[in-house]
Amino acid sequence: MGYVSPAFKEEITDAMNCYTPFTKPVKSSLLRRLLVISAPVTSLHPNPEDEFTDPNIGPDEEIVNDYAKKISYSRSMLNPLPMKPLIVERISTGGYMILNGHHRWLAAKRQGVKKLPIMIVNATHEDDVLNRMKELENSMCVSFDLDEVLLCPDASVPLDHLSFPRNLLYKWPVRKDAGSLLSELRRLGFDVWVYTGNYKAPELIQKTLKAHGGMADGIISGMNLAKSNTTLKTAFTQKYNTILHVDSERILWVHPATKEFDSLELSRDADWANDAISKIQKKLSEEKSNS
């Protein structure tokens, strides 16, 4: 980060006065998320857990100044360029907590902008995951990175194609046979967890997976499960006897109690899903025979 002046730090502190020990996220309805597309700058508050508000890190003043110049130039034009919406979450003490777009918010605030475009999301929080885990009864789980594995960005990876009119509703490029893979894993007794570091709506993720013949038992949006906090990692290792993580190249098979693990290589072509099921079934059979 660049140099952070005392004045900048004071602005951040003032903007966080809305937070109290009772402040908590509030789920927003689909209607609100569709219709509310802007908010007063004064109702937008920085995330107290973001490094932007960390007094030892803080905002990068160079980035803020750069955004401020762009905003100033844009406002001087007859057809100003639209600003990318800030990703926010509603909070119980009023207004919204910024999840992405802190530097743009501060730059706009300093330029005297009164309203900013926003996109309201319902992010997944630690308690959401812990409560969902309590509802699930299996002793095995498997996790998938939605963006890097199930919605594979690799152009060479074969995709499933939905027929009309579902292809108009669910436009994400889902990996070939990914839905069938999730379905079979659930049949084998695994809780299927899907996570994304982005803020995709969990209900849309679930509907997309169902359209492709699959389903997730737990969906974590706005949080990278592989880099989650210690509390969640501990909760997973305490609940599950067997934990799998499936990516595009391998299956990481972990036994938390013994800390033993295996890495099973996967085919990267069209047989990825079938190869994964075949190797998981074989491994389960081997473990059953050895028990």
Protein backbone atom coordinates (compact mmCIF):
# COMPACT_ATOMS: atom_id res chain seq x y z
CA MET A 1 0.00 0.00 0.00
CA GLY A 2 1.02 3.59 -0.54
CA TYR A 3 1.36 6.38 2.01
CA VAL A 4 -1.80 6.96 4.06
CA SER A 5 -2.24 10.45 5.47
CA PRO A 6 -3.77 11.08 8.92
CA ALA A 7 -6.65 12.88 7.19
CA PHE A 8 -7.48 9.75 5.19
CA LYS A 9 -7.41 7.59 8.32
CA GLU A 10 -9.72 10.03 10.07
CA GLU A 11 -12.21 9.81 7.18
CA ILE A 12 -12.25 6.04 7.46
CA THR A 13 -12.75 6.16 11.23
CA ASP A 14 -15.66 8.58 10.89
CA ALA A 15 -17.27 6.38 8.23
CA MET A 16 -17.26 3.39 10.58
CA ASN A 17 -19.13 5.09 13.40
CA CYS A 18 -22.29 3.29 12.26
CA TYR A 19 -20.96 -0.03 13.56
CA THR A 20 -21.95 -1.23 17.02
CA PRO A 21 -21.57 -4.59 18.79
CA PHE A 22 -25.09 -5.34 17.51
CA THR A 23 -24.39 -4.61 13.85
CA LYS A 24 -25.00 -7.66 11.69
CA PRO A 25 -25.62 -8.40 8.02
CA VAL A 26 -29.23 -8.40 6.83
CA LYS A 27 -30.41 -10.66 4.01
CA SER A 28 -31.90 -8.75 1.10
CA SER A 29 -34.81 -10.03 -0.96
CA LEU A 30 -34.41 -10.71 -4.66
CA LEU A 31 -36.70 -7.75 -5.38
CA ARG A 32 -34.49 -5.39 -3.39
CA ARG A 33 -31.36 -6.70 -5.07
CA LEU A 34 -32.91 -6.14 -8.49
CA LEU A 35 -34.46 -2.73 -7.89
CA VAL A 36 -31.98 -0.93 -5.62
CA ILE A 37 -29.12 0.01 -7.93
CA SER A 38 -27.75 3.12 -6.21
CA ALA A 39 -27.32 4.55 -2.72
CA PRO A 40 -26.25 7.82 -1.06
CA VAL A 41 -22.53 7.93 -0.36
CA THR A 42 -23.35 8.67 3.29
CA SER A 43 -25.14 5.31 3.61
CA LEU A 44 -22.12 3.33 2.40
CA HIS A 45 -19.69 2.17 5.08
CA PRO A 46 -16.29 0.47 4.77
CA ASN A 47 -15.89 -3.12 5.88
CA PRO A 48 -14.17 -3.18 9.31
CA GLU A 49 -12.57 -6.53 8.41
CA ASP A 50 -11.05 -5.30 5.15
CA GLU A 51 -7.39 -4.26 5.00
CA PHE A 52 -8.65 -0.93 3.69
CA THR A 53 -9.72 -0.07 7.25
CA ASP A 54 -6.67 -1.61 8.95
CA PRO A 55 -4.77 1.29 10.58
CA ASN A 56 -1.50 -0.49 9.76
CA ILE A 57 -2.40 -0.82 6.08
CA GLY A 58 -5.22 1.51 5.12
CA PRO A 59 -6.26 2.80 1.69
CA ASP A 60 -3.73 3.44 -1.02
CA GLU A 61 -3.83 7.20 -1.45
CA GLU A 62 -2.41 6.98 -4.96
CA ILE A 63 -5.25 4.70 -6.05
CA VAL A 64 -7.82 6.97 -4.42
CA ASN A 65 -6.36 10.05 -6.14
CA ASP A 66 -6.33 8.25 -9.49
CA TYR A 67 -10.01 7.36 -9.12
CA ALA A 68 -10.75 10.93 -8.02
CA LYS A 69 -9.20 12.29 -11.22
CA LYS A 70 -11.25 9.91 -13.35
CA ILE A 71 -14.44 10.88 -11.51
CA SER A 72 -13.66 14.59 -11.93
CA TYR A 73 -13.01 14.16 -15.65
CA SER A 74 -16.11 12.00 -16.10
CA ARG A 75 -18.33 14.56 -14.38
CA SER A 76 -17.05 17.27 -16.70
CA MET A 77 -18.17 15.36 -19.79
CA LEU A 78 -21.60 15.65 -21.34
CA ASN A 79 -21.84 11.84 -21.38
CA PRO A 80 -19.92 10.75 -18.29
CA LEU A 81 -18.66 7.21 -18.14
CA PRO A 82 -20.69 5.04 -15.75
CA MET A 83 -18.87 3.90 -12.63
CA LYS A 84 -18.68 0.20 -11.90
CA PRO A 85 -21.15 -0.64 -9.09
CA LEU A 86 -19.79 -1.14 -5.59
CA ILE A 87 -20.61 -4.57 -4.19
CA VAL A 88 -22.38 -4.09 -0.86
CA GLU A 89 -24.32 -5.91 1.82
CA ARG A 90 -27.15 -4.44 3.89
CA ILE A 91 -26.47 -4.05 7.63
CA SER A 92 -28.85 -3.92 10.59
CA THR A 93 -27.75 -0.48 11.81
CA GLY A 94 -28.74 1.09 8.49
CA GLY A 95 -27.11 1.50 5.13
CA TYR A 96 -24.69 -0.85 3.47
CA MET A 97 -21.28 -2.34 4.16
CA ILE A 98 -18.88 -2.18 1.23
CA LEU A 99 -17.51 -5.56 0.19
CA ASN A 100 -15.72 -4.43 -2.95
CA GLY A 101 -15.04 -0.88 -4.13
CA HIS A 102 -13.56 0.88 -1.08
CA HIS A 103 -11.16 3.06 -3.05
CA ARG A 104 -13.86 4.14 -5.52
CA TRP A 105 -16.15 5.01 -2.61
CA LEU A 106 -13.55 7.17 -0.87
CA ALA A 107 -12.60 8.89 -4.12
CA ALA A 108 -16.25 9.68 -4.87
CA LYS A 109 -16.77 10.92 -1.32
CA ARG A 110 -13.85 13.30 -1.60
CA GLN A 111 -15.16 14.55 -4.96
CA GLY A 112 -18.52 15.41 -3.44
CA VAL A 113 -20.46 12.71 -5.30
CA LYS A 114 -23.84 12.26 -3.62
CA LYS A 115 -24.88 8.84 -4.98
CA LEU A 116 -23.05 5.78 -6.21
CA PRO A 117 -24.16 2.70 -8.17
CA ILE A 118 -24.32 -0.44 -6.01
CA MET A 119 -24.99 -4.13 -6.36
CA ILE A 120 -26.52 -5.65 -3.23
CA VAL A 121 -25.50 -9.22 -2.43
CA ASN A 122 -26.11 -11.70 0.35
CA ALA A 123 -22.60 -12.83 1.21
CA THR A 124 -21.98 -16.06 3.08
CA HIS A 125 -20.78 -15.59 6.64
CA GLU A 126 -19.10 -17.93 9.08
CA ASP A 127 -22.30 -18.56 11.04
CA ASP A 128 -24.17 -19.43 7.83
CA VAL A 129 -21.67 -22.19 7.09
CA LEU A 130 -21.59 -23.51 10.67
CA ASN A 131 -25.40 -23.61 10.89
CA ARG A 132 -25.67 -25.42 7.56
CA MET A 133 -23.09 -27.97 8.68
CA LYS A 134 -25.23 -28.77 11.74
CA GLU A 135 -28.13 -29.64 9.45
CA LEU A 136 -26.10 -32.14 7.40
CA GLU A 137 -25.65 -35.72 8.57
CA ASN A 138 -22.99 -37.27 6.34
CA SER A 139 -19.48 -37.99 7.61
CA MET A 140 -17.82 -37.32 4.23
CA CYS A 141 -17.70 -34.14 2.19
CA VAL A 142 -16.30 -32.91 -1.09
CA SER A 143 -15.61 -29.32 -2.15
CA PHE A 144 -15.46 -27.63 -5.54
CA ASP A 145 -14.28 -24.18 -6.58
CA LEU A 146 -17.22 -22.91 -8.62
CA ASP A 147 -15.31 -20.43 -10.78
CA GLU A 148 -12.14 -22.42 -11.43
CA VAL A 149 -13.57 -25.94 -11.69
CA LEU A 150 -17.33 -26.20 -12.24
CA LEU A 151 -17.54 -23.04 -14.35
CA CYS A 152 -14.23 -23.81 -15.96
CA PRO A 153 -12.64 -20.77 -17.70
CA ASP A 154 -10.36 -22.99 -19.81
CA ALA A 155 -11.61 -22.73 -23.39
CA SER A 156 -10.37 -26.25 -24.17
CA VAL A 157 -12.63 -27.87 -21.54
CA PRO A 158 -15.86 -29.40 -22.92
CA LEU A 159 -19.07 -27.83 -21.60
CA ASP A 160 -22.66 -28.92 -21.08
CA HIS A 161 -25.17 -27.14 -23.27
CA LEU A 162 -28.74 -26.67 -22.09
CA SER A 163 -31.66 -26.79 -24.49
CA PHE A 164 -34.06 -23.91 -25.10
CA PRO A 165 -35.46 -22.15 -23.06
CA ARG A 166 -33.23 -23.09 -20.09
CA ASN A 167 -30.16 -21.88 -21.97
CA LEU A 168 -31.65 -18.38 -21.79
CA LEU A 169 -32.03 -18.56 -18.00
CA TYR A 170 -28.77 -20.26 -17.05
CA LYS A 171 -25.94 -18.84 -19.11
CA TRP A 172 -22.91 -19.84 -17.03
CA PRO A 173 -20.64 -22.29 -18.90
CA VAL A 174 -20.85 -25.44 -16.76
CA ARG A 175 -18.23 -28.14 -17.24
CA LYS A 176 -19.37 -31.28 -19.08
CA ASP A 177 -21.04 -33.84 -16.76
CA ALA A 178 -20.32 -31.71 -13.66
CA GLY A 179 -23.96 -31.94 -12.61
CA SER A 180 -23.93 -35.73 -12.88
CA LEU A 181 -20.72 -35.82 -10.85
CA LEU A 182 -22.30 -33.85 -8.00
CA SER A 183 -25.38 -36.05 -8.08
CA GLU A 184 -23.35 -39.25 -7.90
CA LEU A 185 -21.19 -37.94 -5.06
CA ARG A 186 -24.30 -37.17 -3.02
CA ARG A 187 -25.60 -40.67 -3.75
CA LEU A 188 -22.31 -42.09 -2.45
CA GLY A 189 -22.80 -40.28 0.86
CA PHE A 190 -20.82 -37.06 0.40
CA ASP A 191 -21.98 -33.59 1.39
CA VAL A 192 -21.20 -31.43 -1.64
CA TRP A 193 -19.84 -27.97 -0.87
CA VAL A 194 -19.43 -25.39 -3.64
CA TYR A 195 -17.60 -22.16 -2.99
CA THR A 196 -16.75 -18.99 -4.88
CA GLY A 197 -14.59 -16.04 -3.96
CA ASN A 198 -16.98 -13.86 -5.98
CA TYR A 199 -20.42 -12.72 -4.87
CA LYS A 200 -22.64 -14.85 -7.07
CA ALA A 201 -26.14 -15.37 -5.64
CA PRO A 202 -26.34 -18.79 -3.91
CA GLU A 203 -29.88 -19.37 -5.19
CA LEU A 204 -28.73 -18.79 -8.78
CA ILE A 205 -25.77 -21.13 -8.25
CA GLN A 206 -28.11 -23.84 -6.96
CA LYS A 207 -30.62 -23.36 -9.78
CA THR A 208 -27.82 -23.53 -12.36
CA LEU A 209 -26.46 -26.75 -10.87
CA LYS A 210 -29.96 -28.26 -10.79
CA ALA A 211 -30.50 -27.30 -14.43
CA HIS A 212 -27.43 -29.42 -15.21
CA GLY A 213 -28.60 -32.36 -13.11
CA GLY A 214 -26.66 -31.65 -9.92
CA MET A 215 -27.09 -30.01 -6.55
CA ALA A 216 -24.95 -28.64 -3.71
CA ASP A 217 -25.59 -29.27 -0.01
CA GLY A 218 -23.74 -26.11 0.96
CA ILE A 219 -22.92 -23.00 -1.06
CA ILE A 220 -20.37 -20.45 0.11
CA SER A 221 -20.46 -17.16 -1.80
CA GLY A 222 -17.90 -14.39 -1.39
CA MET A 223 -15.46 -16.63 0.47
CA ASN A 224 -12.67 -18.89 -0.76
CA LEU A 225 -13.10 -22.10 1.23
CA ALA A 226 -9.50 -23.10 0.59
CA LYS A 227 -8.37 -19.87 2.29
CA SER A 228 -11.09 -19.64 4.93
CA ASN A 229 -10.44 -18.81 8.56
CA THR A 230 -9.27 -21.25 11.21
CA THR A 231 -12.74 -21.61 12.73
CA LEU A 232 -14.23 -23.00 9.53
CA LYS A 233 -11.28 -25.26 8.82
CA THR A 234 -11.54 -26.66 12.33
CA ALA A 235 -15.30 -27.16 11.97
CA PHE A 236 -14.87 -29.12 8.75
CA THR A 237 -12.15 -31.35 10.17
CA GLN A 238 -14.19 -32.04 13.29
CA LYS A 239 -17.39 -32.89 11.43
CA TYR A 240 -16.07 -34.98 8.56
CA ASN A 241 -14.04 -38.20 8.68
CA THR A 242 -13.18 -37.87 5.01
CA ILE A 243 -12.70 -34.63 3.09
CA LEU A 244 -12.19 -34.44 -0.67
CA HIS A 245 -11.30 -31.46 -2.78
CA VAL A 246 -11.75 -31.94 -6.52
CA ASP A 247 -10.10 -29.61 -9.01
CA SER A 248 -9.34 -29.82 -12.72
CA GLU A 249 -6.24 -31.98 -12.29
CA ARG A 250 -6.60 -34.06 -9.14
CA ILE A 251 -8.59 -35.22 -6.17
CA LEU A 252 -7.08 -34.40 -2.80
CA TRP A 253 -8.34 -37.07 -0.38
CA VAL A 254 -7.85 -36.23 3.30
CA HIS A 255 -8.49 -38.06 6.56
CA PRO A 256 -8.45 -35.26 9.16
CA ALA A 257 -8.17 -37.58 12.18
CA THR A 258 -4.91 -39.16 11.01
CA LYS A 259 -3.82 -36.25 8.76
CA GLU A 260 -3.18 -38.81 6.03
CA PHE A 261 -3.92 -37.79 2.44
CA ASP A 262 -3.73 -39.06 -1.11
CA SER A 263 -3.58 -37.17 -4.38
CA LEU A 264 -5.39 -38.86 -7.28
CA GLU A 265 -4.59 -37.54 -10.74
CA LEU A 266 -7.52 -36.75 -13.03
CA SER A 267 -8.02 -36.65 -16.77
CA ARG A 268 -8.37 -33.07 -18.03
CA ASP A 269 -10.42 -33.95 -21.11
CA ALA A 270 -14.08 -34.76 -21.60
CA ASP A 271 -13.79 -37.77 -19.27
CA TRP A 272 -12.93 -35.59 -16.24
CA ALA A 273 -16.21 -36.25 -14.40
CA ASN A 274 -16.32 -39.98 -15.21
CA ASP A 275 -12.67 -40.34 -14.21
CA ALA A 276 -13.37 -38.61 -10.91
CA ILE A 277 -16.30 -40.90 -10.09
CA SER A 278 -14.36 -44.01 -11.08
CA LYS A 279 -11.41 -43.13 -8.85
CA ILE A 280 -13.59 -42.10 -5.92
CA GLN A 281 -15.59 -45.33 -6.10
CA LYS A 282 -12.39 -47.37 -6.28
CA LYS A 283 -10.85 -45.53 -3.33
CA LEU A 284 -14.00 -45.98 -1.23
CA SER A 285 -14.02 -49.69 -2.02
CA GLU A 286 -10.36 -50.02 -1.01
CA GLU A 287 -10.91 -48.21 2.27
CA LYS A 288 -13.95 -50.37 3.03
CA SER A 289 -11.91 -53.53 2.41
CA ASN A 290 -9.09 -52.30 4.67
CA SER A 291 -11.36 -51.29 7.54
